Amino acid sequence: MEIFKKDGFSIFFGDAQSCPVDRTVPEFKDFCIKLTTQLGCTALAVQDQVHGVTGRYLDSVKQGCILETQGDYLITGQPGLAVGVLTADCLPIILVDKRNKVVAAVHAGWKSSVGGISTKTIEHMLKKHKFAPADLQVYFGACAKACCYEVQPEFVGRLAEFSWKDQVLMRRDGKIFFDLSLFNKLYLIDLGIDPRNINLNFNDCTMCNTKYHSNRRNGHSHLCQMTAVWM
């Protein structure tokens, strides 16, 4: 269990060992309650993720509450409330607004990333609080990376609108590989995030690092690691 602590906020970067429970079984709720205690939080919120661009702002969650609503990002300014995302190749993005003491957890698979989930999340944060996007602190968790994330030729067309598309597609041995992390980094920089504030220290590859759950490596399953952040 890896917990990163800094300036009044904490981030839990889970892996296969710390998150061994299928999210579709009843025991998953018990796991989340136990994890809440282990993290020292008052509550933990996760969603039924749908690879979209919608989410919620939470400020009055009861102790131990697990949300069942659909969405792919959660924001909170409630002290002690951890907001989390579940991933097994998609990219978990953590946003921290230290000025207003607000945090967000984002589930950024390729569909959500291309669909603009970073824009939607930051816009939602700005509706509640005033801050400069350049001041946000950003942390990437583990995801499928360009060393392993093979895509099909038709995928290239999905990136046509992005000026940096050629930077995030690599061709090796007649195959095409997608750099999901770099895509999101460049997207955030385009939104005004200071590149010096984007932390990639926890951005391992889930496919070639077997300490993580990976749908692409193991076949589609419901096993995911959790990434969560709280003030």
Protein backbone atom coordinates (compact mmCIF):
# COMPACT_ATOMS: atom_id res chain seq x y z
CA MET A 1 0.00 0.00 0.00
CA GLU A 2 1.59 3.27 -1.16
CA ILE A 3 0.36 6.56 0.29
CA PHE A 4 1.88 9.82 -0.91
CA LYS A 5 1.47 12.74 1.51
CA LYS A 6 2.20 16.39 0.83
CA ASP A 7 0.98 19.84 1.89
CA GLY A 8 -2.21 18.70 3.62
CA PHE A 9 -3.39 16.09 1.10
CA SER A 10 -2.78 12.38 0.63
CA ILE A 11 -2.97 10.06 -2.39
CA PHE A 12 -3.37 6.29 -2.23
CA PHE A 13 -1.89 4.48 -5.23
CA GLY A 14 -3.25 0.94 -5.10
CA ASP A 15 -2.07 -2.19 -6.90
CA ALA A 16 -3.23 -5.77 -7.36
CA GLN A 17 -2.16 -6.83 -3.90
CA SER A 18 -3.86 -3.97 -2.08
CA CYS A 19 -7.03 -4.18 -4.20
CA PRO A 20 -7.77 -7.91 -4.71
CA VAL A 21 -11.58 -7.80 -4.79
CA ASP A 22 -13.80 -7.96 -7.89
CA ARG A 23 -15.75 -4.68 -7.96
CA THR A 24 -18.97 -6.44 -9.05
CA VAL A 25 -19.31 -8.72 -6.01
CA PRO A 26 -20.99 -7.81 -2.68
CA GLU A 27 -17.66 -8.19 -0.87
CA PHE A 28 -16.35 -5.11 -2.68
CA LYS A 29 -18.29 -2.84 -0.33
CA ASP A 30 -16.72 -4.56 2.68
CA PHE A 31 -13.30 -4.07 1.06
CA CYS A 32 -13.97 -0.35 0.61
CA ILE A 33 -15.06 0.06 4.22
CA LYS A 34 -11.91 -1.71 5.40
CA LEU A 35 -9.74 0.37 3.07
CA THR A 36 -11.31 3.56 4.43
CA THR A 37 -10.14 2.59 7.91
CA GLN A 38 -6.66 1.65 6.67
CA LEU A 39 -6.27 4.99 4.92
CA GLY A 40 -7.44 6.91 7.99
CA CYS A 41 -10.28 8.62 6.11
CA THR A 42 -13.78 9.36 7.35
CA ALA A 43 -15.41 8.20 4.11
CA LEU A 44 -14.60 6.87 0.65
CA ALA A 45 -16.55 7.59 -2.53
CA VAL A 46 -16.28 5.74 -5.83
CA GLN A 47 -18.59 5.55 -8.84
CA ASP A 48 -19.93 3.12 -11.40
CA GLN A 49 -17.56 4.24 -14.15
CA VAL A 50 -18.85 4.36 -17.72
CA HIS A 51 -15.94 5.80 -19.76
CA GLY A 52 -17.75 9.12 -20.12
CA VAL A 53 -17.06 12.73 -19.18
CA THR A 54 -19.51 13.34 -16.34
CA GLY A 55 -18.92 13.44 -12.61
CA ARG A 56 -19.94 14.92 -9.28
CA TYR A 57 -18.86 17.42 -6.64
CA LEU A 58 -19.30 15.99 -3.14
CA ASP A 59 -19.40 17.97 0.10
CA SER A 60 -21.73 16.12 2.47
CA VAL A 61 -20.90 12.43 2.34
CA LYS A 62 -21.71 10.37 5.42
CA GLN A 63 -19.11 8.21 7.08
CA GLY A 64 -18.21 5.11 5.08
CA CYS A 65 -20.53 5.99 2.17
CA ILE A 66 -19.97 4.25 -1.18
CA LEU A 67 -21.65 5.92 -4.14
CA GLU A 68 -23.42 3.86 -6.80
CA THR A 69 -24.11 6.68 -9.25
CA GLN A 70 -22.51 6.65 -12.69
CA GLY A 71 -19.66 8.94 -13.66
CA ASP A 72 -15.93 9.18 -14.23
CA TYR A 73 -14.72 11.97 -11.98
CA LEU A 74 -15.30 13.02 -8.39
CA ILE A 75 -14.41 16.33 -6.73
CA THR A 76 -14.51 17.24 -3.06
CA GLY A 77 -13.46 19.87 -0.57
CA GLN A 78 -14.75 17.86 2.39
CA PRO A 79 -11.89 17.09 4.80
CA GLY A 80 -11.39 13.37 5.36
CA LEU A 81 -13.48 12.30 2.36
CA ALA A 82 -11.43 10.25 -0.10
CA VAL A 83 -12.60 10.28 -3.71
CA GLY A 84 -11.37 7.39 -5.78
CA VAL A 85 -11.29 5.83 -9.23
CA LEU A 86 -10.84 2.20 -10.27
CA THR A 87 -8.50 1.35 -13.14
CA ALA A 88 -6.93 -1.64 -14.84
CA ASP A 89 -5.19 0.07 -17.80
CA CYS A 90 -7.04 3.39 -17.89
CA LEU A 91 -5.21 6.38 -16.43
CA PRO A 92 -6.07 7.65 -12.93
CA ILE A 93 -5.51 11.41 -12.74
CA ILE A 94 -5.44 13.26 -9.42
CA LEU A 95 -5.94 17.04 -9.37
CA VAL A 96 -5.14 19.10 -6.29
CA ASP A 97 -6.16 22.72 -5.74
CA LYS A 98 -4.09 23.57 -2.65
CA ARG A 99 -5.39 27.14 -2.44
CA ASN A 100 -9.01 26.09 -1.93
CA LYS A 101 -8.21 22.67 -0.45
CA VAL A 102 -10.12 20.82 -3.16
CA VAL A 103 -9.15 17.53 -4.79
CA ALA A 104 -10.42 15.49 -7.73
CA ALA A 105 -10.01 11.92 -8.95
CA VAL A 106 -10.43 11.30 -12.69
CA HIS A 107 -10.90 8.01 -14.58
CA ALA A 108 -9.26 8.71 -17.94
CA GLY A 109 -9.44 5.85 -20.40
CA TRP A 110 -8.94 6.71 -24.04
CA LYS A 111 -12.65 7.45 -24.62
CA SER A 112 -12.89 9.86 -21.69
CA SER A 113 -9.52 11.40 -22.53
CA VAL A 114 -10.45 12.11 -26.14
CA GLY A 115 -13.90 13.22 -25.00
CA GLY A 116 -12.43 15.95 -22.81
CA ILE A 117 -12.87 14.68 -19.26
CA SER A 118 -10.01 16.87 -18.03
CA THR A 119 -11.79 19.95 -19.38
CA LYS A 120 -15.07 18.91 -17.77
CA THR A 121 -13.45 18.23 -14.39
CA ILE A 122 -11.54 21.51 -14.24
CA GLU A 123 -14.59 23.48 -15.41
CA HIS A 124 -16.62 21.85 -12.63
CA MET A 125 -13.95 22.78 -10.08
CA LEU A 126 -13.94 26.37 -11.36
CA LYS A 127 -17.70 26.63 -10.87
CA LYS A 128 -17.13 26.12 -7.14
CA HIS A 129 -13.83 27.90 -6.55
CA LYS A 130 -11.57 30.48 -8.12
CA PHE A 131 -8.06 29.37 -9.03
CA ALA A 132 -5.59 29.50 -11.86
CA PRO A 133 -5.30 26.19 -13.75
CA ALA A 134 -1.53 26.73 -13.82
CA ASP A 135 -1.52 26.33 -10.04
CA LEU A 136 -3.13 22.89 -10.01
CA GLN A 137 -0.99 19.98 -8.87
CA VAL A 138 -1.47 16.87 -11.04
CA TYR A 139 -0.50 13.25 -10.34
CA PHE A 140 -0.76 10.33 -12.77
CA GLY A 141 -1.17 6.81 -11.48
CA ALA A 142 -0.39 3.55 -13.29
CA CYS A 143 -1.93 2.82 -16.71
CA ALA A 144 -1.23 1.03 -19.97
CA LYS A 145 1.70 2.88 -21.55
CA ALA A 146 3.18 3.24 -25.01
CA CYS A 147 5.53 0.30 -24.47
CA CYS A 148 2.53 -2.06 -24.53
CA TYR A 149 -0.68 -0.22 -25.48
CA GLU A 150 -1.28 -1.43 -29.03
CA VAL A 151 -4.16 0.13 -31.02
CA GLN A 152 -5.66 -0.62 -34.41
CA PRO A 153 -5.20 1.63 -37.49
CA GLU A 154 -8.76 2.98 -37.26
CA PHE A 155 -7.93 4.39 -33.82
CA VAL A 156 -5.67 7.00 -35.43
CA GLY A 157 -8.69 8.83 -36.83
CA ARG A 158 -10.06 9.40 -33.34
CA LEU A 159 -7.15 11.73 -32.64
CA ALA A 160 -7.49 13.82 -35.81
CA GLU A 161 -8.55 17.02 -34.00
CA PHE A 162 -5.54 17.10 -31.70
CA SER A 163 -2.43 18.98 -32.83
CA TRP A 164 -0.22 16.63 -30.82
CA LYS A 165 -1.60 13.41 -32.31
CA ASP A 166 1.68 12.46 -33.97
CA GLN A 167 3.49 12.71 -30.63
CA VAL A 168 1.29 10.14 -28.92
CA LEU A 169 1.28 7.43 -31.60
CA MET A 170 4.35 5.22 -32.04
CA ARG A 171 4.89 2.73 -34.84
CA ARG A 172 7.05 -0.34 -34.19
CA ASP A 173 7.31 -3.58 -36.15
CA GLY A 174 4.25 -2.75 -38.22
CA LYS A 175 2.14 -2.05 -35.11
CA ILE A 176 0.74 1.16 -33.65
CA PHE A 177 1.07 2.02 -29.96
CA PHE A 178 -0.75 4.78 -28.05
CA ASP A 179 0.80 6.90 -25.28
CA LEU A 180 -2.23 7.55 -23.06
CA SER A 181 -0.14 9.30 -20.41
CA LEU A 182 1.49 11.70 -22.85
CA PHE A 183 -1.88 12.42 -24.48
CA ASN A 184 -3.31 13.50 -21.15
CA LYS A 185 -0.20 15.45 -20.19
CA LEU A 186 -0.31 17.43 -23.45
CA TYR A 187 -4.07 17.91 -23.07
CA LEU A 188 -3.61 19.34 -19.56
CA ILE A 189 -0.79 21.62 -20.68
CA ASP A 190 -3.08 22.87 -23.44
CA LEU A 191 -5.62 23.73 -20.71
CA GLY A 192 -3.04 25.87 -18.94
CA ILE A 193 -1.54 23.42 -16.45
CA ASP A 194 2.11 24.12 -15.69
CA PRO A 195 4.04 21.06 -16.97
CA ARG A 196 6.28 21.31 -13.90
CA ASN A 197 3.20 20.52 -11.79
CA ILE A 198 2.47 17.20 -13.52
CA ASN A 199 3.97 14.38 -11.46
CA LEU A 200 4.70 11.13 -13.32
CA ASN A 201 6.56 9.34 -10.54
CA PHE A 202 3.69 6.88 -9.99
CA ASN A 203 2.88 6.38 -13.68
CA ASP A 204 3.99 2.74 -14.12
CA CYS A 205 2.79 0.55 -16.98
CA THR A 206 0.00 -1.78 -15.88
CA MET A 207 0.58 -4.17 -18.76
CA CYS A 208 4.25 -5.06 -18.34
CA ASN A 209 4.39 -4.52 -14.56
CA THR A 210 2.60 -7.49 -13.06
CA LYS A 211 2.12 -5.84 -9.67
CA TYR A 212 -0.96 -4.21 -11.24
CA HIS A 213 -4.28 -5.49 -12.55
CA SER A 214 -4.45 -5.22 -16.36
CA ASN A 215 -7.47 -6.01 -18.51
CA ARG A 216 -5.35 -6.04 -21.64
CA ARG A 217 -2.83 -8.47 -20.17
CA ASN A 218 -5.23 -10.80 -18.36
CA GLY A 219 -8.35 -10.47 -20.48
CA HIS A 220 -11.31 -8.34 -19.48
CA SER A 221 -12.15 -8.80 -15.81
CA HIS A 222 -13.57 -6.73 -12.97
CA LEU A 223 -10.35 -6.57 -10.97
CA CYS A 224 -9.02 -3.02 -10.63
CA GLN A 225 -6.62 -1.07 -8.50
CA MET A 226 -7.91 2.00 -6.72
CA THR A 227 -6.39 5.45 -6.70
CA ALA A 228 -7.84 7.85 -4.14
CA VAL A 229 -7.11 11.34 -2.84
CA TRP A 230 -8.24 13.24 0.25
CA MET A 231 -7.48 16.37 2.24
